[in-house]
Amino acid sequence: MAIFLDSGDPKQVKRFMKMGIIRGVTTNPTILRKDGCAGGMEGLKKIEVEIAGLIHPCPLSVEVTSNDKKKMLDQAIEFSRWAENIVVKIPVHGPEGEIENVEVIHALETKHDIRVNVTAMMNAQQGLLAALAGATYVSIFGGRVNDMGYNCVEEIGKLRDLLDDFDLKAKIIAGSTREILNVVEWLDAGAHFVTVVPRLLEGMLVHPYTKETVRMFLSDARELKSR
């Protein structure tokens, strides 16, 4: 069980890697845009290669920027050449429900020996099919599931049982994390990894009562020195 950092900012990645508390990094076009990635494909490559180097041998997930079957395959092969620890993210299906994405996932894993993180999934049934196709990682967007009025803990638990029962290699990533509570809750439900943005990771660590206690210790230490 472990934590992946959701970030396209090399400074944040370096900061948390120094603490030894993350086991990989996940990116997507939305995260990269928010974190200031510019310069088109060359800018994307520069940032991803830098992050891959910072976290090696931990995995870095890099998402394709097209939903065209050939372009996804070509991009995935190109991305995988940027660094040996890059995992390619492929959405489980297209924006209009195109299911050919699963063909790409299967081909990458079985013919090209490229690790795939199947993303944007909302339930256990999608996760099971992605795992059967050969995916290394299956990502459930837990926060979005909860937003729809369902508790994603149930979907994570069901998917973990299925993966274990059928001896499938895929590891569950629970993403779209909204609250600090989600992290331990989803790991406890059976996720192998939870993706966490820097703000939530800091929130997991910093507690108001801990601050109060440390202030007391330091105050008493000063009193001891003055005696």
C-alpha atoms as a PDB file:
ATOM      1  CA  MET A   1       0.000   0.000   0.000  1.00  0.00           C
ATOM      2  CA  ALA A   2       1.431   3.374  -0.939  1.00  0.00           C
ATOM      3  CA  ILE A   3       0.876   6.934  -2.052  1.00  0.00           C
ATOM      4  CA  PHE A   4       1.397   8.401  -5.514  1.00  0.00           C
ATOM      5  CA  LEU A   5       1.788  12.170  -5.833  1.00  0.00           C
ATOM      6  CA  ASP A   6      -0.564  13.883  -8.291  1.00  0.00           C
ATOM      7  CA  SER A   7       1.698  16.624  -9.630  1.00  0.00           C
ATOM      8  CA  GLY A   8       3.393  18.004 -12.712  1.00  0.00           C
ATOM      9  CA  ASP A   9       5.627  20.300 -10.664  1.00  0.00           C
ATOM     10  CA  PRO A  10       9.196  18.950 -10.352  1.00  0.00           C
ATOM     11  CA  LYS A  11       9.799  21.123  -7.259  1.00  0.00           C
ATOM     12  CA  GLN A  12       6.904  19.498  -5.406  1.00  0.00           C
ATOM     13  CA  VAL A  13       7.975  16.046  -6.558  1.00  0.00           C
ATOM     14  CA  LYS A  14      11.514  16.631  -5.310  1.00  0.00           C
ATOM     15  CA  ARG A  15      10.213  17.970  -1.999  1.00  0.00           C
ATOM     16  CA  PHE A  16       8.159  14.885  -1.185  1.00  0.00           C
ATOM     17  CA  MET A  17      10.698  12.415  -2.563  1.00  0.00           C
ATOM     18  CA  LYS A  18      13.207  13.816  -0.065  1.00  0.00           C
ATOM     19  CA  MET A  19      10.757  12.885   2.700  1.00  0.00           C
ATOM     20  CA  GLY A  20      10.545   9.306   1.432  1.00  0.00           C
ATOM     21  CA  ILE A  21       6.741   9.206   1.629  1.00  0.00           C
ATOM     22  CA  ILE A  22       5.682   8.793  -2.017  1.00  0.00           C
ATOM     23  CA  ARG A  23       6.103   5.739  -4.218  1.00  0.00           C
ATOM     24  CA  GLY A  24       5.464   7.296  -7.606  1.00  0.00           C
ATOM     25  CA  VAL A  25       3.906  10.207  -9.486  1.00  0.00           C
ATOM     26  CA  THR A  26       0.827  10.482 -11.697  1.00  0.00           C
ATOM     27  CA  THR A  27       0.224  13.196 -14.273  1.00  0.00           C
ATOM     28  CA  ASN A  28      -2.435  14.005 -16.832  1.00  0.00           C
ATOM     29  CA  PRO A  29      -3.056  16.962 -19.186  1.00  0.00           C
ATOM     30  CA  THR A  30      -5.218  18.736 -16.581  1.00  0.00           C
ATOM     31  CA  ILE A  31      -2.587  18.461 -13.841  1.00  0.00           C
ATOM     32  CA  LEU A  32       0.212  19.559 -16.194  1.00  0.00           C
ATOM     33  CA  ARG A  33      -1.764  22.547 -17.448  1.00  0.00           C
ATOM     34  CA  LYS A  34      -2.530  23.616 -13.869  1.00  0.00           C
ATOM     35  CA  ASP A  35       1.123  23.270 -12.896  1.00  0.00           C
ATOM     36  CA  GLY A  36       2.272  25.508 -15.747  1.00  0.00           C
ATOM     37  CA  CYS A  37       3.431  23.080 -18.419  1.00  0.00           C
ATOM     38  CA  ALA A  38       3.949  24.942 -21.700  1.00  0.00           C
ATOM     39  CA  GLY A  39       5.774  24.523 -24.995  1.00  0.00           C
ATOM     40  CA  GLY A  40       3.662  21.807 -26.568  1.00  0.00           C
ATOM     41  CA  MET A  41       4.975  18.261 -26.816  1.00  0.00           C
ATOM     42  CA  GLU A  42       8.576  19.326 -26.223  1.00  0.00           C
ATOM     43  CA  GLY A  43       7.545  21.108 -23.034  1.00  0.00           C
ATOM     44  CA  LEU A  44       5.607  18.034 -21.939  1.00  0.00           C
ATOM     45  CA  LYS A  45       8.584  15.771 -22.630  1.00  0.00           C
ATOM     46  CA  LYS A  46      10.979  18.037 -20.738  1.00  0.00           C
ATOM     47  CA  ILE A  47       8.871  18.022 -17.566  1.00  0.00           C
ATOM     48  CA  GLU A  48       8.065  14.303 -17.681  1.00  0.00           C
ATOM     49  CA  VAL A  49      11.699  13.319 -18.251  1.00  0.00           C
ATOM     50  CA  GLU A  50      12.762  15.544 -15.345  1.00  0.00           C
ATOM     51  CA  ILE A  51      10.171  14.011 -13.005  1.00  0.00           C
ATOM     52  CA  ALA A  52      11.016  10.486 -14.157  1.00  0.00           C
ATOM     53  CA  GLY A  53      14.644  11.146 -13.249  1.00  0.00           C
ATOM     54  CA  LEU A  54      13.739  12.538  -9.837  1.00  0.00           C
ATOM     55  CA  ILE A  55      11.695   9.500  -8.817  1.00  0.00           C
ATOM     56  CA  HIS A  56      13.495   6.628 -10.574  1.00  0.00           C
ATOM     57  CA  PRO A  57      12.902   3.697 -10.194  1.00  0.00           C
ATOM     58  CA  CYS A  58       9.409   4.598  -8.941  1.00  0.00           C
ATOM     59  CA  PRO A  59       6.761   4.774 -11.690  1.00  0.00           C
ATOM     60  CA  LEU A  60       5.622   7.947 -13.444  1.00  0.00           C
ATOM     61  CA  SER A  61       2.269   7.853 -15.234  1.00  0.00           C
ATOM     62  CA  VAL A  62       2.079   9.921 -18.437  1.00  0.00           C
ATOM     63  CA  GLU A  63      -1.261  10.210 -20.254  1.00  0.00           C
ATOM     64  CA  VAL A  64      -1.817  10.157 -24.002  1.00  0.00           C
ATOM     65  CA  THR A  65      -3.215  13.366 -25.506  1.00  0.00           C
ATOM     66  CA  SER A  66      -5.397  11.811 -28.204  1.00  0.00           C
ATOM     67  CA  ASN A  67      -8.224   9.295 -28.390  1.00  0.00           C
ATOM     68  CA  ASP A  68      -7.387   8.189 -31.930  1.00  0.00           C
ATOM     69  CA  LYS A  69      -6.420   4.513 -31.818  1.00  0.00           C
ATOM     70  CA  LYS A  70      -3.235   4.821 -33.907  1.00  0.00           C
ATOM     71  CA  LYS A  71      -2.152   8.058 -32.263  1.00  0.00           C
ATOM     72  CA  MET A  72      -2.612   6.566 -28.788  1.00  0.00           C
ATOM     73  CA  LEU A  73      -0.462   3.596 -29.743  1.00  0.00           C
ATOM     74  CA  ASP A  74       2.226   5.765 -31.336  1.00  0.00           C
ATOM     75  CA  GLN A  75       2.274   8.204 -28.415  1.00  0.00           C
ATOM     76  CA  ALA A  76       2.460   5.398 -25.877  1.00  0.00           C
ATOM     77  CA  ILE A  77       5.478   3.888 -27.624  1.00  0.00           C
ATOM     78  CA  GLU A  78       7.138   7.320 -27.797  1.00  0.00           C
ATOM     79  CA  PHE A  79       6.422   8.143 -24.133  1.00  0.00           C
ATOM     80  CA  SER A  80       7.782   4.793 -22.988  1.00  0.00           C
ATOM     81  CA  ARG A  81      11.119   5.642 -24.621  1.00  0.00           C
ATOM     82  CA  TRP A  82      11.532   8.832 -22.589  1.00  0.00           C
ATOM     83  CA  ALA A  83      12.435   6.901 -19.427  1.00  0.00           C
ATOM     84  CA  GLU A  84      12.330   3.285 -18.293  1.00  0.00           C
ATOM     85  CA  ASN A  85      10.031   4.041 -15.354  1.00  0.00           C
ATOM     86  CA  ILE A  86       7.283   5.695 -17.421  1.00  0.00           C
ATOM     87  CA  VAL A  87       3.844   4.074 -17.345  1.00  0.00           C
ATOM     88  CA  VAL A  88       1.411   5.152 -20.061  1.00  0.00           C
ATOM     89  CA  LYS A  89      -2.080   6.256 -19.067  1.00  0.00           C
ATOM     90  CA  ILE A  90      -4.934   5.290 -21.401  1.00  0.00           C
ATOM     91  CA  PRO A  91      -8.590   6.148 -20.631  1.00  0.00           C
ATOM     92  CA  VAL A  92     -10.758   3.030 -20.416  1.00  0.00           C
ATOM     93  CA  HIS A  93     -12.903   4.325 -23.297  1.00  0.00           C
ATOM     94  CA  GLY A  94     -13.273   7.394 -25.470  1.00  0.00           C
ATOM     95  CA  PRO A  95     -15.388  10.543 -24.981  1.00  0.00           C
ATOM     96  CA  GLU A  96     -18.277   9.005 -26.902  1.00  0.00           C
ATOM     97  CA  GLY A  97     -17.889   5.523 -25.446  1.00  0.00           C
ATOM     98  CA  GLU A  98     -15.415   4.237 -28.039  1.00  0.00           C
ATOM     99  CA  ILE A  99     -14.186   0.885 -26.714  1.00  0.00           C
ATOM    100  CA  GLU A 100     -11.197   0.458 -29.045  1.00  0.00           C
ATOM    101  CA  ASN A 101      -9.052   1.909 -26.253  1.00  0.00           C
ATOM    102  CA  VAL A 102      -9.047  -1.570 -24.718  1.00  0.00           C
ATOM    103  CA  GLU A 103      -7.405  -2.922 -27.885  1.00  0.00           C
ATOM    104  CA  VAL A 104      -4.631  -0.360 -27.426  1.00  0.00           C
ATOM    105  CA  ILE A 105      -4.220  -1.330 -23.773  1.00  0.00           C
ATOM    106  CA  HIS A 106      -3.967  -5.019 -24.654  1.00  0.00           C
ATOM    107  CA  ALA A 107      -1.516  -4.414 -27.497  1.00  0.00           C
ATOM    108  CA  LEU A 108       0.759  -2.215 -25.398  1.00  0.00           C
ATOM    109  CA  GLU A 109       0.964  -4.710 -22.548  1.00  0.00           C
ATOM    110  CA  THR A 110       1.191  -7.938 -24.558  1.00  0.00           C
ATOM    111  CA  LYS A 111       2.907  -6.967 -27.841  1.00  0.00           C
ATOM    112  CA  HIS A 112       5.011  -3.942 -26.944  1.00  0.00           C
ATOM    113  CA  ASP A 113       5.853  -4.773 -23.309  1.00  0.00           C
ATOM    114  CA  ILE A 114       4.747  -1.303 -22.187  1.00  0.00           C
ATOM    115  CA  ARG A 115       3.167  -0.846 -18.778  1.00  0.00           C
ATOM    116  CA  VAL A 116      -0.299   0.748 -18.869  1.00  0.00           C
ATOM    117  CA  ASN A 117      -2.318   2.636 -16.273  1.00  0.00           C
ATOM    118  CA  VAL A 118      -5.963   2.478 -17.372  1.00  0.00           C
ATOM    119  CA  THR A 119      -7.608   5.658 -16.164  1.00  0.00           C
ATOM    120  CA  ALA A 120     -10.949   7.453 -15.747  1.00  0.00           C
ATOM    121  CA  MET A 121     -12.808   4.400 -14.430  1.00  0.00           C
ATOM    122  CA  MET A 122     -15.807   4.702 -12.149  1.00  0.00           C
ATOM    123  CA  ASN A 123     -16.648   1.145 -11.121  1.00  0.00           C
ATOM    124  CA  ALA A 124     -15.366  -2.363 -10.490  1.00  0.00           C
ATOM    125  CA  GLN A 125     -16.669  -3.778 -13.754  1.00  0.00           C
ATOM    126  CA  GLN A 126     -14.549  -1.367 -15.809  1.00  0.00           C
ATOM    127  CA  GLY A 127     -11.556  -2.178 -13.626  1.00  0.00           C
ATOM    128  CA  LEU A 128     -12.034  -5.918 -14.088  1.00  0.00           C
ATOM    129  CA  LEU A 129     -12.151  -5.654 -17.895  1.00  0.00           C
ATOM    130  CA  ALA A 130      -9.052  -3.436 -17.942  1.00  0.00           C
ATOM    131  CA  ALA A 131      -7.240  -5.957 -15.760  1.00  0.00           C
ATOM    132  CA  LEU A 132      -8.306  -8.828 -18.030  1.00  0.00           C
ATOM    133  CA  ALA A 133      -6.901  -6.854 -20.982  1.00  0.00           C
ATOM    134  CA  GLY A 134      -3.539  -6.961 -19.224  1.00  0.00           C
ATOM    135  CA  ALA A 135      -3.283  -3.560 -17.549  1.00  0.00           C
ATOM    136  CA  THR A 136      -0.607  -3.096 -14.907  1.00  0.00           C
ATOM    137  CA  TYR A 137      -2.641  -0.446 -13.061  1.00  0.00           C
ATOM    138  CA  VAL A 138      -6.393   0.216 -12.962  1.00  0.00           C
ATOM    139  CA  SER A 139      -7.408   3.674 -11.780  1.00  0.00           C
ATOM    140  CA  ILE A 140     -10.789   4.299 -10.183  1.00  0.00           C
ATOM    141  CA  PHE A 141     -11.692   7.972  -9.810  1.00  0.00           C
ATOM    142  CA  GLY A 142     -13.007   7.660  -6.274  1.00  0.00           C
ATOM    143  CA  GLY A 143     -13.803  11.318  -5.768  1.00  0.00           C
ATOM    144  CA  ARG A 144     -15.984  11.410  -8.859  1.00  0.00           C
ATOM    145  CA  VAL A 145     -17.746   8.213  -7.813  1.00  0.00           C
ATOM    146  CA  ASN A 146     -18.542   9.816  -4.463  1.00  0.00           C
ATOM    147  CA  ASP A 147     -19.697  12.983  -6.254  1.00  0.00           C
ATOM    148  CA  MET A 148     -22.319  10.855  -8.036  1.00  0.00           C
ATOM    149  CA  GLY A 149     -23.776   9.809  -4.688  1.00  0.00           C
ATOM    150  CA  TYR A 150     -22.109   6.410  -4.363  1.00  0.00           C
ATOM    151  CA  ASN A 151     -19.439   5.315  -1.909  1.00  0.00           C
ATOM    152  CA  CYS A 152     -16.388   4.294  -3.918  1.00  0.00           C
ATOM    153  CA  VAL A 153     -15.178   2.164  -0.981  1.00  0.00           C
ATOM    154  CA  GLU A 154     -17.600  -0.516  -2.167  1.00  0.00           C
ATOM    155  CA  GLU A 155     -16.281  -0.422  -5.741  1.00  0.00           C
ATOM    156  CA  ILE A 156     -12.665  -0.569  -4.571  1.00  0.00           C
ATOM    157  CA  GLY A 157     -13.424  -3.515  -2.308  1.00  0.00           C
ATOM    158  CA  LYS A 158     -15.276  -5.414  -5.025  1.00  0.00           C
ATOM    159  CA  LEU A 159     -12.505  -4.811  -7.539  1.00  0.00           C
ATOM    160  CA  ARG A 160      -9.790  -5.913  -5.101  1.00  0.00           C
ATOM    161  CA  ASP A 161     -11.697  -9.143  -4.422  1.00  0.00           C
ATOM    162  CA  LEU A 162     -12.034  -9.811  -8.159  1.00  0.00           C
ATOM    163  CA  LEU A 163      -8.344  -9.179  -8.858  1.00  0.00           C
ATOM    164  CA  ASP A 164      -7.348 -11.486  -6.017  1.00  0.00           C
ATOM    165  CA  ASP A 165      -9.893 -14.188  -6.882  1.00  0.00           C
ATOM    166  CA  PHE A 166      -8.823 -14.363 -10.532  1.00  0.00           C
ATOM    167  CA  ASP A 167      -5.115 -13.856  -9.769  1.00  0.00           C
ATOM    168  CA  LEU A 168      -4.855 -10.802 -12.029  1.00  0.00           C
ATOM    169  CA  LYS A 169      -1.648  -8.744 -11.892  1.00  0.00           C
ATOM    170  CA  ALA A 170      -3.290  -5.302 -11.995  1.00  0.00           C
ATOM    171  CA  LYS A 171      -2.860  -2.969  -9.028  1.00  0.00           C
ATOM    172  CA  ILE A 172      -5.656  -0.590  -8.019  1.00  0.00           C
ATOM    173  CA  ILE A 173      -4.990   3.134  -8.000  1.00  0.00           C
ATOM    174  CA  ALA A 174      -7.697   5.206  -6.313  1.00  0.00           C
ATOM    175  CA  GLY A 175      -7.589   8.751  -7.642  1.00  0.00           C
ATOM    176  CA  SER A 176      -9.547  11.990  -7.868  1.00  0.00           C
ATOM    177  CA  THR A 177      -8.947  12.331  -4.132  1.00  0.00           C
ATOM    178  CA  ARG A 178     -11.062  15.083  -2.576  1.00  0.00           C
ATOM    179  CA  GLU A 179     -10.419  14.791   1.161  1.00  0.00           C
ATOM    180  CA  ILE A 180      -7.655  13.730   3.518  1.00  0.00           C
ATOM    181  CA  LEU A 181     -10.080  11.122   4.861  1.00  0.00           C
ATOM    182  CA  ASN A 182     -10.140   9.414   1.465  1.00  0.00           C
ATOM    183  CA  VAL A 183      -6.503   8.335   1.555  1.00  0.00           C
ATOM    184  CA  VAL A 184      -6.513   5.901   4.474  1.00  0.00           C
ATOM    185  CA  GLU A 185     -10.147   4.962   3.821  1.00  0.00           C
ATOM    186  CA  TRP A 186      -9.422   3.859   0.247  1.00  0.00           C
ATOM    187  CA  LEU A 187      -6.210   2.056   1.145  1.00  0.00           C
ATOM    188  CA  ASP A 188      -8.108   0.225   3.859  1.00  0.00           C
ATOM    189  CA  ALA A 189     -10.808  -0.706   1.317  1.00  0.00           C
ATOM    190  CA  GLY A 190      -8.246  -2.489  -0.854  1.00  0.00           C
ATOM    191  CA  ALA A 191      -6.602   0.075  -3.126  1.00  0.00           C
ATOM    192  CA  HIS A 192      -2.904  -0.608  -3.649  1.00  0.00           C
ATOM    193  CA  PHE A 193      -2.211   3.097  -4.205  1.00  0.00           C
ATOM    194  CA  VAL A 194      -3.986   6.405  -3.689  1.00  0.00           C
ATOM    195  CA  THR A 195      -3.061   9.522  -5.649  1.00  0.00           C
ATOM    196  CA  VAL A 196      -2.720  12.634  -3.500  1.00  0.00           C
ATOM    197  CA  VAL A 197      -2.150  16.285  -4.454  1.00  0.00           C
ATOM    198  CA  PRO A 198       0.498  18.191  -2.455  1.00  0.00           C
ATOM    199  CA  ARG A 199      -2.094  20.131  -0.453  1.00  0.00           C
ATOM    200  CA  LEU A 200      -3.738  16.963   0.859  1.00  0.00           C
ATOM    201  CA  LEU A 201      -0.403  15.312   1.558  1.00  0.00           C
ATOM    202  CA  GLU A 202       0.553  18.257   3.752  1.00  0.00           C
ATOM    203  CA  GLY A 203      -2.841  18.031   5.436  1.00  0.00           C
ATOM    204  CA  MET A 204      -2.251  14.365   6.263  1.00  0.00           C
ATOM    205  CA  LEU A 205       0.947  15.282   8.042  1.00  0.00           C
ATOM    206  CA  VAL A 206       0.127  18.501   9.864  1.00  0.00           C
ATOM    207  CA  HIS A 207      -2.281  18.324  12.821  1.00  0.00           C
ATOM    208  CA  PRO A 208      -3.322  21.314  14.975  1.00  0.00           C
ATOM    209  CA  TYR A 209      -2.870  19.381  18.219  1.00  0.00           C
ATOM    210  CA  THR A 210       0.585  18.278  17.118  1.00  0.00           C
ATOM    211  CA  LYS A 211       1.489  21.929  16.526  1.00  0.00           C
ATOM    212  CA  GLU A 212       0.137  22.819  19.955  1.00  0.00           C
ATOM    213  CA  THR A 213       2.108  20.001  21.575  1.00  0.00           C
ATOM    214  CA  VAL A 214       5.357  20.907  19.829  1.00  0.00           C
ATOM    215  CA  ARG A 215       4.928  24.546  20.862  1.00  0.00           C
ATOM    216  CA  MET A 216       4.527  23.381  24.469  1.00  0.00           C
ATOM    217  CA  PHE A 217       7.680  21.242  24.251  1.00  0.00           C
ATOM    218  CA  LEU A 218       9.697  24.127  22.794  1.00  0.00           C
ATOM    219  CA  SER A 219       8.374  26.585  25.373  1.00  0.00           C
ATOM    220  CA  ASP A 220       9.265  24.235  28.215  1.00  0.00           C
ATOM    221  CA  ALA A 221      12.683  23.628  26.661  1.00  0.00           C
ATOM    222  CA  ARG A 222      13.350  27.370  26.710  1.00  0.00           C
ATOM    223  CA  GLU A 223      12.312  27.482  30.366  1.00  0.00           C
ATOM    224  CA  LEU A 224      14.729  24.649  31.175  1.00  0.00           C
ATOM    225  CA  LYS A 225      17.587  26.472  29.478  1.00  0.00           C
ATOM    226  CA  SER A 226      16.901  29.655  31.410  1.00  0.00           C
ATOM    227  CA  ARG A 227      17.142  27.984  34.811  1.00  0.00           C
END
